[in-house]
Amino acid sequence: MRIIGGIARGRKLFAPAGDNTRPTSDRVREALFNIISMHVRGARVLDLFGGSGALTLEAMSRGAESAVVNDMNGAAVSVIRRNAQAVLGDEQDDLKITCRDYKALIRDLTGKFDLVFLDPPYRMESAYADAVTLLAKQDLLAEDALIVMEQTASAQIPVPEGFEAYDERKYGETKLLFVRRAGE
């Protein structure tokens, strides 16, 4: 794995050991960032299930203003920190890395996020709708926020009321669902 574009292009990324996380492949990440390129520069990013941190660090490399990346798994958070050092060096003032349950984190967050990545473990299918609902309830989403949900290609995960999936892309066994407030 590596950073695909931006100021840190080509920098190597590490993945957590074992099969508890499934990092987004370089191919899928490149396609994703080609699709959302207009949403990244200057964005405030939230990644609730960070894994290796690749999506967040890709966004930071491409000009995101700030980011919060979280994972409940301590080993994954250690890898995120290692990757952040490799990609950003000592320029991490605009990056916050946390190790918490996503619901507890959402309750404590402030500000508004422009770009949200949701890629929970597959066994946590309810986390997609729960996270979006909580983010909206806590008023943490910018008016034109973009939410990217990464799932298995066969998943049929409902989008919560008040939101709509406006695009869907499949890459092998991976599906990307692009979600925004209904009527945007």
Protein backbone atom coordinates (compact mmCIF):
# COMPACT_ATOMS: atom_id res chain seq x y z
CA MET A 1 0.00 0.00 0.00
CA ARG A 2 1.06 3.53 -0.71
CA ILE A 3 -0.25 7.09 -0.93
CA ILE A 4 -1.62 7.51 -4.46
CA GLY A 5 -1.61 11.29 -4.93
CA GLY A 6 -0.85 14.68 -3.48
CA ILE A 7 2.24 15.92 -1.65
CA ALA A 8 2.99 12.52 -0.11
CA ARG A 9 2.49 10.53 -3.32
CA GLY A 10 4.37 7.24 -3.33
CA ARG A 11 4.97 7.04 0.42
CA LYS A 12 4.60 3.52 1.73
CA LEU A 13 1.80 2.63 4.16
CA PHE A 14 1.67 -0.21 6.63
CA ALA A 15 -1.35 -2.38 7.42
CA PRO A 16 -2.34 -3.87 10.77
CA ALA A 17 -1.40 -7.53 11.11
CA GLY A 18 -4.10 -10.18 10.96
CA ASP A 19 -7.53 -10.05 9.40
CA ASN A 20 -9.29 -7.68 11.82
CA THR A 21 -8.89 -4.85 9.32
CA ARG A 22 -9.09 -4.85 5.54
CA PRO A 23 -7.27 -1.83 4.15
CA THR A 24 -8.76 -0.23 1.06
CA SER A 25 -6.67 -1.37 -1.90
CA ASP A 26 -4.59 1.16 -3.84
CA ARG A 27 -6.81 0.59 -6.88
CA VAL A 28 -10.05 1.31 -5.01
CA ARG A 29 -8.52 4.27 -3.18
CA GLU A 30 -7.30 5.78 -6.44
CA ALA A 31 -10.76 5.39 -8.02
CA LEU A 32 -12.41 6.83 -4.90
CA PHE A 33 -10.21 9.91 -4.80
CA ASN A 34 -10.67 10.49 -8.53
CA ILE A 35 -14.44 10.56 -7.92
CA ILE A 36 -14.34 12.82 -4.84
CA SER A 37 -11.42 15.03 -5.84
CA MET A 38 -13.53 18.21 -5.76
CA HIS A 39 -14.55 17.49 -2.14
CA VAL A 40 -11.09 16.95 -0.64
CA ARG A 41 -9.10 20.22 -0.77
CA GLY A 42 -9.85 22.22 2.37
CA ALA A 43 -12.16 19.52 3.77
CA ARG A 44 -12.56 18.61 7.39
CA VAL A 45 -12.39 14.81 7.37
CA LEU A 46 -13.75 12.21 9.79
CA ASP A 47 -12.84 8.53 9.53
CA LEU A 48 -14.58 6.53 12.27
CA PHE A 49 -13.11 3.11 11.43
CA GLY A 50 -9.59 4.06 10.33
CA GLY A 51 -7.88 0.68 10.01
CA SER A 52 -4.52 1.69 8.55
CA GLY A 53 -5.49 5.36 8.22
CA ALA A 54 -4.97 5.17 4.44
CA LEU A 55 -8.15 7.06 3.49
CA THR A 56 -7.50 9.87 5.95
CA LEU A 57 -3.83 10.19 5.05
CA GLU A 58 -4.66 10.14 1.34
CA ALA A 59 -7.07 13.02 1.97
CA MET A 60 -4.44 14.92 3.98
CA SER A 61 -1.89 14.38 1.21
CA ARG A 62 -4.41 15.84 -1.26
CA GLY A 63 -5.06 19.02 0.70
CA ALA A 64 -7.68 18.26 3.35
CA GLU A 65 -7.63 20.99 6.01
CA SER A 66 -7.89 18.70 9.04
CA ALA A 67 -8.87 15.18 10.01
CA VAL A 68 -9.98 12.99 12.87
CA VAL A 69 -9.22 9.30 12.38
CA ASN A 70 -10.44 6.71 14.86
CA ASP A 71 -10.29 2.99 15.38
CA MET A 72 -11.34 0.90 18.38
CA ASN A 73 -8.48 -1.52 17.85
CA GLY A 74 -5.29 -0.43 19.63
CA ALA A 75 -3.05 -2.28 17.16
CA ALA A 76 -4.72 -0.46 14.26
CA VAL A 77 -4.24 2.89 16.01
CA SER A 78 -0.54 2.11 16.41
CA VAL A 79 -0.33 1.48 12.66
CA ILE A 80 -2.25 4.71 11.95
CA ARG A 81 0.29 6.62 14.06
CA ARG A 82 3.18 4.93 12.24
CA ASN A 83 1.62 5.76 8.86
CA ALA A 84 0.92 9.35 9.91
CA GLN A 85 4.59 9.77 10.79
CA ALA A 86 5.63 8.27 7.44
CA VAL A 87 3.24 10.48 5.46
CA LEU A 88 3.09 13.73 7.43
CA GLY A 89 6.26 13.63 9.51
CA ASP A 90 6.07 16.22 12.26
CA GLU A 91 3.32 18.17 10.42
CA GLN A 92 0.47 16.49 12.29
CA ASP A 93 -1.12 19.47 14.03
CA ASP A 94 -4.26 19.14 11.89
CA LEU A 95 -4.60 15.38 12.47
CA LYS A 96 -6.22 13.86 15.55
CA ILE A 97 -5.89 10.10 16.07
CA THR A 98 -8.21 8.42 18.60
CA CYS A 99 -8.87 4.92 19.91
CA ARG A 100 -12.52 4.85 20.97
CA ASP A 101 -15.90 3.37 20.33
CA TYR A 102 -17.32 5.35 17.41
CA LYS A 103 -20.55 6.27 19.24
CA ALA A 104 -18.67 7.69 22.22
CA LEU A 105 -16.36 9.61 19.92
CA ILE A 106 -19.27 11.13 17.99
CA ARG A 107 -20.85 12.34 21.24
CA ASP A 108 -17.63 14.20 22.12
CA LEU A 109 -16.81 15.71 18.71
CA THR A 110 -17.28 19.38 17.89
CA GLY A 111 -17.29 21.29 14.62
CA LYS A 112 -18.61 20.17 11.27
CA PHE A 113 -17.18 17.63 8.88
CA ASP A 114 -17.23 17.92 5.08
CA LEU A 115 -16.06 14.40 4.26
CA VAL A 116 -16.82 11.27 6.29
CA PHE A 117 -15.43 7.79 5.64
CA LEU A 118 -17.33 4.80 7.03
CA ASP A 119 -15.75 1.38 6.65
CA PRO A 120 -16.66 -0.59 9.78
CA PRO A 121 -15.91 -4.28 10.23
CA TYR A 122 -18.37 -6.29 8.14
CA ARG A 123 -20.02 -7.74 11.24
CA MET A 124 -21.07 -4.20 12.24
CA GLU A 125 -23.62 -3.58 9.48
CA SER A 126 -25.76 -1.35 11.71
CA ALA A 127 -22.79 1.00 12.25
CA TYR A 128 -23.35 2.73 8.89
CA ALA A 129 -26.83 4.02 9.67
CA ASP A 130 -26.06 4.47 13.38
CA ALA A 131 -23.04 6.65 12.63
CA VAL A 132 -24.82 8.83 10.07
CA THR A 133 -27.84 9.25 12.33
CA LEU A 134 -25.64 10.21 15.31
CA LEU A 135 -23.55 12.61 13.23
CA ALA A 136 -26.72 14.36 12.04
CA LYS A 137 -28.25 14.41 15.54
CA GLN A 138 -25.05 15.97 16.97
CA ASP A 139 -25.03 18.50 14.08
CA LEU A 140 -21.54 17.43 13.00
CA LEU A 141 -22.14 17.34 9.25
CA ALA A 142 -21.52 20.37 7.05
CA GLU A 143 -24.49 21.33 4.89
CA ASP A 144 -23.00 19.67 1.78
CA ALA A 145 -21.18 16.85 3.59
CA LEU A 146 -20.18 13.79 1.58
CA ILE A 147 -20.28 10.41 3.29
CA VAL A 148 -18.42 7.51 1.67
CA MET A 149 -19.46 4.04 2.82
CA GLU A 150 -17.19 1.14 1.92
CA GLN A 151 -18.89 -2.27 1.99
CA THR A 152 -18.77 -5.72 0.48
CA ALA A 153 -20.12 -5.71 -3.06
CA SER A 154 -23.12 -7.83 -2.03
CA ALA A 155 -24.11 -5.71 0.99
CA GLN A 156 -27.55 -4.08 1.03
CA ILE A 157 -27.10 -1.57 3.82
CA PRO A 158 -29.94 0.92 4.27
CA VAL A 159 -29.26 4.64 4.21
CA PRO A 160 -30.89 6.46 7.14
CA GLU A 161 -33.91 8.71 6.69
CA GLY A 162 -33.02 12.20 5.52
CA PHE A 163 -30.06 10.93 3.46
CA GLU A 164 -29.71 9.46 0.00
CA ALA A 165 -27.20 7.29 -1.82
CA TYR A 166 -26.57 9.21 -5.03
CA ASP A 167 -23.86 7.01 -6.52
CA GLU A 168 -22.57 3.47 -6.15
CA ARG A 169 -19.42 1.92 -7.59
CA LYS A 170 -18.21 -1.67 -7.43
CA TYR A 171 -14.59 -2.80 -7.65
CA GLY A 172 -14.36 -6.57 -7.36
CA GLU A 173 -15.61 -7.47 -3.88
CA THR A 174 -15.71 -3.83 -2.73
CA LYS A 175 -18.62 -1.42 -3.08
CA LEU A 176 -18.42 2.33 -2.50
CA LEU A 177 -21.67 4.09 -1.67
CA PHE A 178 -21.74 7.90 -1.89
CA VAL A 179 -24.27 9.44 0.50
CA ARG A 180 -25.48 13.01 1.12
CA ARG A 181 -28.43 14.73 2.71
CA ALA A 182 -31.60 14.08 0.74
CA GLY A 183 -32.37 16.82 -1.75
CA GLU A 184 -28.79 18.16 -2.08
